[in-house]
């Protein structure tokens, strides 16, 4: 992903956004609705994790070319996915609106808020 942003959202917020869509009584019929809590770079996520976990977390970008050479099932597909998200960040992020997500779910959490609530899920990783 280099320095490009990646949309993310807390699992609980997905359902709340879906409920917000249903409450709009058909407004989104035939539409694709992309949601996101935030759009963050790998470095921004690492900084948030460092603050929440109180231990150093670093972001080490790996190029798609290097990732494709990994020896596990699905490495090539994952490399392609992240290359697309990197190369077409503007389109990928624009299709996942934080602003609309907040309208659908006024209690939408940021990554920092999610970490404050659920950082214990990451212990031992």
N, C-alpha and C. Protein backbone atom coordinates (compact mmCIF):
# COMPACT_ATOMS: atom_id res chain seq x y z
N UNK A 1 0.82 -1.21 0.00
CA UNK A 1 0.00 0.00 0.00
C UNK A 1 0.86 1.26 0.00
N UNK A 2 2.15 1.13 0.26
CA UNK A 2 3.03 2.30 0.32
C UNK A 2 2.44 3.34 1.27
N UNK A 3 2.22 4.56 0.80
CA UNK A 3 1.67 5.62 1.64
C UNK A 3 0.19 5.87 1.33
N UNK A 4 -0.45 4.91 0.69
CA UNK A 4 -1.85 5.07 0.30
C UNK A 4 -2.77 4.68 1.45
N UNK A 5 -3.98 5.21 1.41
CA UNK A 5 -4.95 4.96 2.47
C UNK A 5 -5.81 3.73 2.15
N UNK A 6 -6.23 3.09 3.23
CA UNK A 6 -7.07 1.90 3.14
C UNK A 6 -8.32 2.12 3.97
N UNK A 7 -9.51 1.97 3.39
CA UNK A 7 -10.73 2.09 4.19
C UNK A 7 -10.82 0.95 5.20
N UNK A 8 -11.29 1.28 6.38
CA UNK A 8 -11.50 0.28 7.41
C UNK A 8 -12.74 0.61 8.20
N UNK A 9 -13.29 -0.41 8.86
CA UNK A 9 -14.50 -0.19 9.66
C UNK A 9 -14.58 -1.29 10.71
N UNK A 10 -15.05 -0.95 11.89
CA UNK A 10 -15.27 -1.92 12.96
C UNK A 10 -16.42 -2.84 12.57
N UNK A 11 -16.30 -4.11 12.89
CA UNK A 11 -17.34 -5.09 12.52
C UNK A 11 -18.71 -4.67 13.05
N UNK A 12 -18.76 -4.17 14.27
CA UNK A 12 -20.05 -3.73 14.83
C UNK A 12 -20.69 -2.62 14.00
N UNK A 13 -19.86 -1.77 13.42
CA UNK A 13 -20.38 -0.64 12.64
C UNK A 13 -20.95 -1.06 11.30
N UNK A 14 -20.53 -2.21 10.78
CA UNK A 14 -21.10 -2.69 9.52
C UNK A 14 -22.60 -2.92 9.67
N UNK A 15 -22.97 -3.63 10.72
CA UNK A 15 -24.39 -3.89 10.98
C UNK A 15 -25.18 -2.63 11.25
N UNK A 16 -24.57 -1.71 11.99
CA UNK A 16 -25.25 -0.45 12.29
C UNK A 16 -25.47 0.38 11.03
N UNK A 17 -24.50 0.36 10.12
CA UNK A 17 -24.68 1.06 8.84
C UNK A 17 -25.76 0.39 8.00
N UNK A 18 -25.76 -0.94 7.99
CA UNK A 18 -26.81 -1.66 7.25
C UNK A 18 -28.19 -1.30 7.81
N UNK A 19 -28.31 -1.24 9.12
CA UNK A 19 -29.58 -0.85 9.75
C UNK A 19 -29.96 0.57 9.31
N UNK A 20 -28.98 1.47 9.24
CA UNK A 20 -29.23 2.83 8.77
C UNK A 20 -29.75 2.85 7.35
N UNK A 21 -29.26 1.95 6.51
CA UNK A 21 -29.75 1.84 5.13
C UNK A 21 -31.21 1.38 5.12
N UNK A 22 -31.52 0.36 5.92
CA UNK A 22 -32.90 -0.16 5.97
C UNK A 22 -33.87 0.90 6.48
N UNK A 23 -33.43 1.74 7.39
CA UNK A 23 -34.30 2.78 7.93
C UNK A 23 -34.63 3.85 6.90
N UNK A 24 -33.90 3.90 5.79
CA UNK A 24 -34.12 4.92 4.77
C UNK A 24 -35.22 4.51 3.79
N UNK A 25 -35.92 3.41 4.05
CA UNK A 25 -37.12 3.01 3.31
C UNK A 25 -36.97 3.01 1.80
N UNK A 26 -36.00 2.28 1.32
CA UNK A 26 -35.87 2.09 -0.12
C UNK A 26 -35.02 3.11 -0.85
N UNK A 27 -34.50 4.09 -0.15
CA UNK A 27 -33.70 5.13 -0.80
C UNK A 27 -32.51 4.56 -1.57
N UNK A 28 -31.98 3.44 -1.10
CA UNK A 28 -30.78 2.88 -1.72
C UNK A 28 -31.05 1.66 -2.60
N UNK A 29 -32.31 1.41 -2.92
CA UNK A 29 -32.63 0.28 -3.79
C UNK A 29 -31.92 0.46 -5.13
N UNK A 30 -31.23 -0.57 -5.56
CA UNK A 30 -30.50 -0.53 -6.82
C UNK A 30 -29.15 0.18 -6.73
N UNK A 31 -28.78 0.63 -5.56
CA UNK A 31 -27.53 1.36 -5.36
C UNK A 31 -26.50 0.47 -4.67
N UNK A 32 -25.25 0.75 -4.90
CA UNK A 32 -24.17 0.15 -4.13
C UNK A 32 -23.77 1.16 -3.08
N UNK A 33 -23.72 0.72 -1.83
CA UNK A 33 -23.39 1.61 -0.73
C UNK A 33 -22.09 1.12 -0.08
N UNK A 34 -21.05 1.89 -0.26
CA UNK A 34 -19.77 1.56 0.38
C UNK A 34 -19.66 2.30 1.69
N UNK A 35 -19.15 1.63 2.70
CA UNK A 35 -19.04 2.24 4.03
C UNK A 35 -17.60 2.14 4.53
N UNK A 36 -17.23 3.04 5.42
CA UNK A 36 -15.92 3.02 6.05
C UNK A 36 -15.96 3.87 7.31
N UNK A 37 -15.20 3.47 8.29
CA UNK A 37 -15.06 4.26 9.51
C UNK A 37 -13.99 5.31 9.36
N UNK A 38 -12.94 4.96 8.62
CA UNK A 38 -11.83 5.87 8.35
C UNK A 38 -11.07 5.36 7.15
N UNK A 39 -10.26 6.23 6.58
CA UNK A 39 -9.30 5.86 5.54
C UNK A 39 -7.93 6.18 6.12
N UNK A 40 -7.13 5.17 6.40
CA UNK A 40 -5.83 5.37 7.05
C UNK A 40 -4.70 4.73 6.25
N UNK A 41 -3.52 5.32 6.36
CA UNK A 41 -2.33 4.70 5.78
C UNK A 41 -1.80 3.64 6.75
N UNK A 42 -0.92 2.80 6.25
CA UNK A 42 -0.28 1.80 7.12
C UNK A 42 0.47 2.47 8.25
N UNK A 43 1.14 3.57 7.98
CA UNK A 43 1.87 4.29 9.03
C UNK A 43 0.92 4.86 10.08
N UNK A 44 -0.22 5.37 9.65
CA UNK A 44 -1.20 5.88 10.61
C UNK A 44 -1.75 4.76 11.49
N UNK A 45 -1.99 3.59 10.90
CA UNK A 45 -2.46 2.45 11.70
C UNK A 45 -1.39 2.01 12.69
N UNK A 46 -0.13 1.98 12.25
CA UNK A 46 0.96 1.58 13.14
C UNK A 46 1.10 2.55 14.31
N UNK A 47 0.96 3.84 14.05
CA UNK A 47 1.02 4.83 15.13
C UNK A 47 -0.12 4.63 16.12
N UNK A 48 -1.32 4.41 15.62
CA UNK A 48 -2.47 4.17 16.50
C UNK A 48 -2.26 2.91 17.33
N UNK A 49 -1.74 1.86 16.70
CA UNK A 49 -1.47 0.62 17.44
C UNK A 49 -0.39 0.83 18.49
N UNK A 50 0.65 1.58 18.16
CA UNK A 50 1.71 1.89 19.12
C UNK A 50 1.13 2.59 20.34
N UNK A 51 0.29 3.57 20.12
CA UNK A 51 -0.33 4.32 21.22
C UNK A 51 -1.24 3.44 22.06
N UNK A 52 -2.05 2.62 21.42
CA UNK A 52 -3.02 1.80 22.14
C UNK A 52 -2.36 0.65 22.91
N UNK A 53 -1.38 0.02 22.29
CA UNK A 53 -0.75 -1.17 22.89
C UNK A 53 0.46 -0.82 23.75
N UNK A 54 0.88 0.43 23.67
CA UNK A 54 2.05 0.91 24.43
C UNK A 54 3.30 0.08 24.14
N UNK A 55 3.43 -0.31 22.88
CA UNK A 55 4.66 -0.93 22.40
C UNK A 55 4.81 -0.56 20.92
N UNK A 56 6.05 -0.50 20.49
CA UNK A 56 6.34 0.00 19.15
C UNK A 56 5.78 -0.94 18.07
N UNK A 57 5.01 -0.37 17.18
CA UNK A 57 4.50 -1.07 16.00
C UNK A 57 4.98 -0.27 14.80
N UNK A 58 5.58 -0.94 13.84
CA UNK A 58 6.06 -0.24 12.65
C UNK A 58 5.35 -0.79 11.42
N UNK A 59 5.22 0.06 10.45
CA UNK A 59 4.65 -0.32 9.16
C UNK A 59 5.80 -0.54 8.20
N UNK A 60 5.86 -1.71 7.62
CA UNK A 60 6.91 -2.06 6.68
C UNK A 60 6.26 -2.43 5.36
N UNK A 61 6.14 -1.46 4.45
CA UNK A 61 5.47 -1.75 3.18
C UNK A 61 6.24 -2.78 2.36
N UNK A 62 5.51 -3.71 1.80
CA UNK A 62 6.08 -4.75 0.95
C UNK A 62 5.47 -4.56 -0.43
N UNK A 63 6.30 -4.49 -1.45
CA UNK A 63 5.78 -4.28 -2.80
C UNK A 63 4.99 -5.50 -3.26
N UNK A 64 4.03 -5.29 -4.16
CA UNK A 64 3.29 -6.44 -4.70
C UNK A 64 4.21 -7.48 -5.34
N UNK A 65 5.27 -7.02 -5.98
CA UNK A 65 6.20 -7.94 -6.65
C UNK A 65 6.86 -8.88 -5.64
N UNK A 66 7.25 -8.34 -4.50
CA UNK A 66 7.86 -9.16 -3.44
C UNK A 66 6.81 -10.07 -2.81
N UNK A 67 5.63 -9.51 -2.56
CA UNK A 67 4.57 -10.29 -1.91
C UNK A 67 4.14 -11.49 -2.76
N UNK A 68 4.13 -11.30 -4.07
CA UNK A 68 3.73 -12.40 -4.97
C UNK A 68 4.68 -13.59 -4.86
N UNK A 69 5.90 -13.37 -4.43
CA UNK A 69 6.88 -14.45 -4.32
C UNK A 69 6.76 -15.22 -3.00
N UNK A 70 5.87 -14.79 -2.12
CA UNK A 70 5.68 -15.50 -0.85
C UNK A 70 5.17 -16.91 -1.15
N UNK A 71 5.50 -17.82 -0.29
CA UNK A 71 5.18 -19.23 -0.55
C UNK A 71 4.01 -19.71 0.29
N UNK A 72 2.91 -19.06 0.16
CA UNK A 72 1.69 -19.57 0.79
C UNK A 72 0.54 -19.39 -0.18
N UNK A 73 -0.45 -20.24 0.01
CA UNK A 73 -1.60 -20.22 -0.89
C UNK A 73 -2.30 -18.86 -0.80
N UNK A 74 -2.54 -18.28 -1.95
CA UNK A 74 -3.24 -17.00 -2.01
C UNK A 74 -2.33 -15.78 -2.02
N UNK A 75 -1.02 -15.97 -1.95
CA UNK A 75 -0.10 -14.82 -1.91
C UNK A 75 -0.25 -13.95 -3.16
N UNK A 76 -0.36 -14.58 -4.32
CA UNK A 76 -0.48 -13.80 -5.56
C UNK A 76 -1.79 -13.01 -5.57
N UNK A 77 -2.85 -13.64 -5.13
CA UNK A 77 -4.15 -12.97 -5.12
C UNK A 77 -4.14 -11.80 -4.14
N UNK A 78 -3.55 -12.00 -2.97
CA UNK A 78 -3.47 -10.91 -2.00
C UNK A 78 -2.61 -9.76 -2.53
N UNK A 79 -1.50 -10.10 -3.18
CA UNK A 79 -0.65 -9.07 -3.77
C UNK A 79 -1.42 -8.27 -4.81
N UNK A 80 -2.18 -8.95 -5.64
CA UNK A 80 -3.00 -8.26 -6.65
C UNK A 80 -4.02 -7.35 -5.99
N UNK A 81 -4.66 -7.83 -4.93
CA UNK A 81 -5.67 -7.04 -4.24
C UNK A 81 -5.06 -5.76 -3.68
N UNK A 82 -3.95 -5.89 -2.96
CA UNK A 82 -3.34 -4.71 -2.36
C UNK A 82 -2.74 -3.79 -3.43
N UNK A 83 -2.27 -4.34 -4.53
CA UNK A 83 -1.78 -3.49 -5.61
C UNK A 83 -2.93 -2.67 -6.19
N UNK A 84 -4.08 -3.29 -6.40
CA UNK A 84 -5.24 -2.55 -6.89
C UNK A 84 -5.63 -1.45 -5.91
N UNK A 85 -5.70 -1.79 -4.64
CA UNK A 85 -6.09 -0.79 -3.64
C UNK A 85 -5.08 0.35 -3.57
N UNK A 86 -3.81 0.04 -3.77
CA UNK A 86 -2.77 1.07 -3.80
C UNK A 86 -2.87 1.92 -5.06
N UNK A 87 -2.92 1.27 -6.21
CA UNK A 87 -2.87 1.98 -7.48
C UNK A 87 -4.16 2.77 -7.77
N UNK A 88 -5.26 2.33 -7.21
CA UNK A 88 -6.55 2.99 -7.46
C UNK A 88 -7.17 3.48 -6.16
N UNK A 89 -6.32 3.99 -5.26
CA UNK A 89 -6.78 4.45 -3.95
C UNK A 89 -7.91 5.45 -4.05
N UNK A 90 -7.81 6.40 -4.96
CA UNK A 90 -8.85 7.43 -5.05
C UNK A 90 -10.22 6.83 -5.34
N UNK A 91 -10.28 5.92 -6.28
CA UNK A 91 -11.55 5.26 -6.62
C UNK A 91 -12.00 4.37 -5.47
N UNK A 92 -11.09 3.58 -4.94
CA UNK A 92 -11.42 2.62 -3.89
C UNK A 92 -11.94 3.34 -2.64
N UNK A 93 -11.28 4.43 -2.24
CA UNK A 93 -11.73 5.16 -1.06
C UNK A 93 -13.00 5.95 -1.32
N UNK A 94 -13.10 6.57 -2.50
CA UNK A 94 -14.28 7.37 -2.82
C UNK A 94 -15.54 6.51 -2.77
N UNK A 95 -15.43 5.24 -3.11
CA UNK A 95 -16.59 4.35 -3.10
C UNK A 95 -16.96 3.89 -1.69
N UNK A 96 -16.20 4.30 -0.68
CA UNK A 96 -16.43 3.93 0.71
C UNK A 96 -16.42 5.22 1.54
N UNK A 97 -17.54 5.88 1.55
CA UNK A 97 -17.65 7.22 2.13
C UNK A 97 -17.79 7.18 3.65
N UNK A 98 -16.83 7.83 4.32
CA UNK A 98 -16.91 7.98 5.77
C UNK A 98 -18.08 8.88 6.13
N UNK A 99 -18.29 9.92 5.36
CA UNK A 99 -19.36 10.87 5.64
C UNK A 99 -20.73 10.20 5.58
N UNK A 100 -20.99 9.42 4.52
CA UNK A 100 -22.26 8.71 4.42
C UNK A 100 -22.38 7.68 5.54
N UNK A 101 -21.30 7.02 5.85
CA UNK A 101 -21.32 6.03 6.93
C UNK A 101 -21.73 6.68 8.25
N UNK A 102 -21.27 7.91 8.50
CA UNK A 102 -21.64 8.63 9.72
C UNK A 102 -23.11 9.03 9.72
N UNK A 103 -23.65 9.33 8.55
CA UNK A 103 -25.08 9.65 8.45
C UNK A 103 -25.89 8.39 8.77
N UNK A 104 -25.46 7.26 8.22
CA UNK A 104 -26.17 6.00 8.45
C UNK A 104 -26.01 5.51 9.88
N UNK A 105 -24.85 5.78 10.47
CA UNK A 105 -24.53 5.30 11.81
C UNK A 105 -23.84 6.42 12.58
N UNK A 106 -24.59 7.25 13.27
CA UNK A 106 -24.00 8.37 14.00
C UNK A 106 -22.99 7.97 15.07
N UNK A 107 -23.00 6.72 15.51
CA UNK A 107 -22.04 6.26 16.53
C UNK A 107 -20.81 5.59 15.92
N UNK A 108 -20.59 5.81 14.63
CA UNK A 108 -19.46 5.23 13.91
C UNK A 108 -18.15 5.45 14.67
N UNK A 109 -17.38 4.37 14.85
CA UNK A 109 -16.12 4.45 15.59
C UNK A 109 -14.93 4.72 14.67
N UNK A 110 -13.99 5.48 15.18
CA UNK A 110 -12.70 5.63 14.53
C UNK A 110 -11.83 4.43 14.91
N UNK A 111 -10.70 4.30 14.23
CA UNK A 111 -9.76 3.22 14.57
C UNK A 111 -9.27 3.38 16.01
N UNK A 112 -8.99 4.61 16.42
CA UNK A 112 -8.55 4.86 17.80
C UNK A 112 -9.62 4.44 18.81
N UNK A 113 -10.88 4.75 18.51
CA UNK A 113 -11.96 4.36 19.41
C UNK A 113 -12.11 2.85 19.48
N UNK A 114 -12.01 2.19 18.33
CA UNK A 114 -12.09 0.73 18.32
C UNK A 114 -10.95 0.13 19.12
N UNK A 115 -9.74 0.64 18.94
CA UNK A 115 -8.59 0.14 19.68
C UNK A 115 -8.77 0.32 21.18
N UNK A 116 -9.29 1.47 21.59
CA UNK A 116 -9.51 1.72 23.02
C UNK A 116 -10.48 0.70 23.60
N UNK A 117 -11.47 0.32 22.80
CA UNK A 117 -12.50 -0.63 23.26
C UNK A 117 -12.03 -2.08 23.16
N UNK A 118 -11.35 -2.43 22.08
CA UNK A 118 -11.07 -3.85 21.80
C UNK A 118 -9.60 -4.22 21.66
N UNK A 119 -8.69 -3.39 22.18
CA UNK A 119 -7.27 -3.71 22.02
C UNK A 119 -6.89 -5.04 22.66
N UNK A 120 -7.67 -5.50 23.63
CA UNK A 120 -7.37 -6.79 24.26
C UNK A 120 -7.46 -7.94 23.25
N UNK A 121 -8.21 -7.76 22.18
CA UNK A 121 -8.29 -8.79 21.14
C UNK A 121 -6.96 -8.99 20.45
N UNK A 122 -6.08 -8.00 20.54
CA UNK A 122 -4.79 -8.06 19.86
C UNK A 122 -3.66 -8.55 20.75
N UNK A 123 -3.92 -8.77 22.01
CA UNK A 123 -2.85 -9.21 22.91
C UNK A 123 -2.39 -10.61 22.54
N UNK A 124 -1.09 -10.79 22.56
CA UNK A 124 -0.51 -12.08 22.22
C UNK A 124 -0.27 -12.30 20.75
N UNK A 125 -0.56 -11.31 19.93
CA UNK A 125 -0.32 -11.46 18.48
C UNK A 125 1.13 -11.19 18.20
